[in-house]
Amino acid sequence: MSETIETPTTHFLAAHGIAYTMHDYDYVSDPGKIGLHAAAGIGIDNEKVFKTLMVEIDKKQVVCAVIPVHQKMNLKKVAALFGGKNARMLGAEKAEALTGFQVGGISPFGSRTQVPVVFEQSVLKLDLMYINGGGRGLVVGLAPADALRCVNGQTADLTVDLTADPVA
């Protein structure tokens, strides 16, 4: 664990008076599994480690969806939440230009352009959550209430319900 690493995320959290811990790990570029590697790298259960996904709704609005690393996002739920019909993942190049972070290091805190942030509602059950710290191989731990407050975030059901449809 390192407290001395500075990123736009740590500057943002400090500016908002948010207490956090910084954790580093050996980053592995494995599309779709980066968050799982992060959880294993810092030794925290998957349910407490969140990934940041940049989503474009109806080709008009970009939002940041934050879900547990072991779950899959339900794009229809995200679109509906913001009054849209369709949602898709924002391309890597656009996501990097918009946020100022590299894919694999995107954080909802300290982004170049602030967009609406919505967290999977399961975050409310946690005392601490862990999420990208603004660089590849960096994770910050903080209280979910602080995370929501500093980005004026909201919570909703964002994930695919695998218990309802085991084929999904």
Protein backbone atom coordinates (compact mmCIF):
# COMPACT_ATOMS: atom_id res chain seq x y z
CA MET A 1 0.00 0.00 0.00
CA SER A 2 1.30 3.40 -0.94
CA GLU A 3 -0.03 6.77 0.21
CA THR A 4 2.46 8.86 -1.80
CA ILE A 5 1.23 8.16 -5.34
CA GLU A 6 -0.52 11.21 -6.77
CA THR A 7 -3.02 11.12 -9.62
CA PRO A 8 -5.89 13.35 -10.73
CA THR A 9 -8.06 11.02 -8.63
CA THR A 10 -6.10 11.56 -5.41
CA HIS A 11 -6.05 15.33 -6.03
CA PHE A 12 -9.84 15.30 -6.57
CA LEU A 13 -10.51 13.25 -3.43
CA ALA A 14 -8.20 15.44 -1.33
CA ALA A 15 -9.84 18.61 -2.68
CA HIS A 16 -13.22 17.23 -1.58
CA GLY A 17 -11.94 16.24 1.86
CA ILE A 18 -12.45 12.53 1.20
CA ALA A 19 -10.45 10.04 3.28
CA TYR A 20 -9.01 7.23 1.15
CA THR A 21 -6.30 4.62 1.06
CA MET A 22 -4.16 3.94 -2.03
CA HIS A 23 -3.30 0.38 -3.04
CA ASP A 24 -1.06 -0.63 -5.91
CA TYR A 25 -0.81 -3.96 -7.72
CA ASP A 26 0.81 -5.44 -10.80
CA TYR A 27 -1.47 -4.35 -13.64
CA VAL A 28 -2.44 -7.05 -16.15
CA SER A 29 -4.06 -6.00 -19.43
CA ASP A 30 -6.67 -8.70 -19.87
CA PRO A 31 -9.84 -7.21 -21.43
CA GLY A 32 -12.89 -7.99 -19.36
CA LYS A 33 -10.82 -9.19 -16.42
CA ILE A 34 -8.79 -6.14 -15.38
CA GLY A 35 -11.01 -5.59 -12.33
CA LEU A 36 -10.73 -9.23 -11.28
CA HIS A 37 -6.94 -8.93 -11.46
CA ALA A 38 -7.12 -5.75 -9.39
CA ALA A 39 -9.19 -7.47 -6.68
CA ALA A 40 -6.77 -10.39 -6.55
CA GLY A 41 -3.79 -8.01 -6.63
CA ILE A 42 -4.93 -6.09 -3.56
CA GLY A 43 -6.40 -9.14 -1.80
CA ILE A 44 -9.98 -7.82 -1.54
CA ASP A 45 -13.21 -9.75 -2.25
CA ASN A 46 -14.70 -9.13 -5.71
CA GLU A 47 -17.93 -7.76 -4.18
CA LYS A 48 -16.00 -4.81 -2.73
CA VAL A 49 -13.95 -3.93 -5.83
CA PHE A 50 -15.64 -1.89 -8.55
CA LYS A 51 -14.91 -1.22 -12.21
CA THR A 52 -15.62 2.01 -14.04
CA LEU A 53 -17.38 1.70 -17.39
CA MET A 54 -17.95 4.62 -19.74
CA VAL A 55 -21.29 4.27 -21.51
CA GLU A 56 -22.86 6.25 -24.35
CA ILE A 57 -26.65 6.52 -24.33
CA ASP A 58 -28.51 7.02 -27.62
CA LYS A 59 -25.26 8.36 -29.15
CA LYS A 60 -25.90 11.60 -27.23
CA GLN A 61 -25.00 11.33 -23.55
CA VAL A 62 -22.01 9.76 -21.83
CA VAL A 63 -22.30 8.41 -18.29
CA CYS A 64 -19.98 6.58 -15.95
CA ALA A 65 -21.35 3.28 -14.60
CA VAL A 66 -19.64 1.73 -11.57
CA ILE A 67 -20.28 -1.97 -10.93
CA PRO A 68 -18.60 -4.81 -9.00
CA VAL A 69 -15.72 -6.34 -10.96
CA HIS A 70 -17.26 -9.82 -11.09
CA GLN A 71 -20.59 -8.68 -12.56
CA LYS A 72 -21.78 -7.73 -16.03
CA MET A 73 -23.52 -4.47 -16.81
CA ASN A 74 -27.07 -4.48 -18.17
CA LEU A 75 -26.92 -1.81 -20.89
CA LYS A 76 -30.73 -1.65 -21.19
CA LYS A 77 -31.03 -0.78 -17.49
CA VAL A 78 -28.42 1.97 -17.83
CA ALA A 79 -30.11 3.43 -20.92
CA ALA A 80 -33.53 3.42 -19.24
CA LEU A 81 -32.14 5.08 -16.13
CA PHE A 82 -31.11 8.09 -18.22
CA GLY A 83 -34.27 8.15 -20.35
CA GLY A 84 -32.67 6.46 -23.33
CA LYS A 85 -33.41 3.45 -25.48
CA ASN A 86 -29.93 2.20 -26.33
CA ALA A 87 -26.59 2.16 -24.57
CA ARG A 88 -23.18 0.94 -25.63
CA MET A 89 -19.69 0.99 -24.25
CA LEU A 90 -17.80 4.11 -25.24
CA GLY A 91 -14.80 3.30 -27.43
CA ALA A 92 -11.39 3.31 -25.73
CA GLU A 93 -10.09 6.32 -27.66
CA LYS A 94 -13.17 8.43 -26.84
CA ALA A 95 -13.16 7.31 -23.20
CA GLU A 96 -9.50 8.28 -22.81
CA ALA A 97 -10.00 11.67 -24.50
CA LEU A 98 -13.05 12.44 -22.36
CA THR A 99 -11.63 11.34 -19.01
CA GLY A 100 -7.91 12.01 -19.37
CA PHE A 101 -7.25 8.48 -18.03
CA GLN A 102 -6.00 5.40 -19.88
CA VAL A 103 -8.40 2.49 -20.28
CA GLY A 104 -7.63 0.19 -17.36
CA GLY A 105 -7.06 3.28 -15.23
CA ILE A 106 -10.32 5.21 -15.62
CA SER A 107 -11.71 6.60 -12.37
CA PRO A 108 -14.97 8.43 -11.68
CA PHE A 109 -12.94 10.86 -9.55
CA GLY A 110 -10.84 13.57 -11.19
CA SER A 111 -11.93 12.98 -14.77
CA ARG A 112 -11.07 15.68 -17.29
CA THR A 113 -14.79 15.99 -18.12
CA GLN A 114 -17.31 15.29 -15.37
CA VAL A 115 -20.22 13.13 -16.52
CA PRO A 116 -23.12 11.67 -14.51
CA VAL A 117 -21.94 8.78 -12.31
CA VAL A 118 -24.19 5.92 -11.27
CA PHE A 119 -23.11 3.18 -8.88
CA GLU A 120 -24.54 -0.34 -8.67
CA GLN A 121 -26.88 -0.22 -5.67
CA SER A 122 -25.05 -3.07 -3.91
CA VAL A 123 -22.38 -0.50 -2.96
CA LEU A 124 -24.75 0.77 -0.26
CA LYS A 125 -24.29 -2.48 1.69
CA LEU A 126 -20.54 -1.89 2.08
CA ASP A 127 -18.47 0.01 4.64
CA LEU A 128 -15.59 0.36 2.16
CA MET A 129 -15.38 0.12 -1.61
CA TYR A 130 -12.31 -0.10 -3.83
CA ILE A 131 -12.14 1.52 -7.26
CA ASN A 132 -9.58 2.65 -9.78
CA GLY A 133 -7.27 5.31 -8.42
CA GLY A 134 -6.56 7.12 -11.66
CA GLY A 135 -3.83 4.93 -13.12
CA ARG A 136 -3.23 1.38 -14.21
CA GLY A 137 -2.37 -0.71 -11.19
CA LEU A 138 -3.79 1.77 -8.67
CA VAL A 139 -6.91 1.37 -6.53
CA VAL A 140 -8.36 3.68 -3.88
CA GLY A 141 -10.39 2.46 -0.93
CA LEU A 142 -13.05 4.79 0.42
CA ALA A 143 -16.48 4.91 2.01
CA PRO A 144 -19.30 4.49 -0.55
CA ALA A 145 -21.18 7.49 0.93
CA ASP A 146 -18.10 9.66 0.28
CA ALA A 147 -17.78 8.32 -3.27
CA LEU A 148 -21.41 9.12 -4.03
CA ARG A 149 -21.28 12.56 -2.43
CA CYS A 150 -18.15 13.87 -4.13
CA VAL A 151 -19.41 13.12 -7.67
CA ASN A 152 -23.08 13.79 -6.88
CA GLY A 153 -23.66 10.16 -7.85
CA GLN A 154 -26.73 8.03 -7.73
CA THR A 155 -27.35 4.32 -7.20
CA ALA A 156 -29.45 1.91 -9.24
CA ASP A 157 -29.70 -1.72 -10.30
CA LEU A 158 -27.19 -1.81 -13.18
CA THR A 159 -26.20 -5.43 -13.52
CA VAL A 160 -27.37 -8.54 -15.32
CA ASP A 161 -29.40 -10.79 -13.02
CA LEU A 162 -27.76 -14.16 -13.60
CA THR A 163 -30.10 -15.91 -11.15
CA ALA A 164 -33.16 -15.07 -13.25
CA ASP A 165 -31.68 -16.32 -16.51
CA PRO A 166 -28.87 -18.84 -16.11
CA VAL A 167 -28.22 -18.74 -19.86
CA ALA A 168 -27.23 -15.04 -19.80
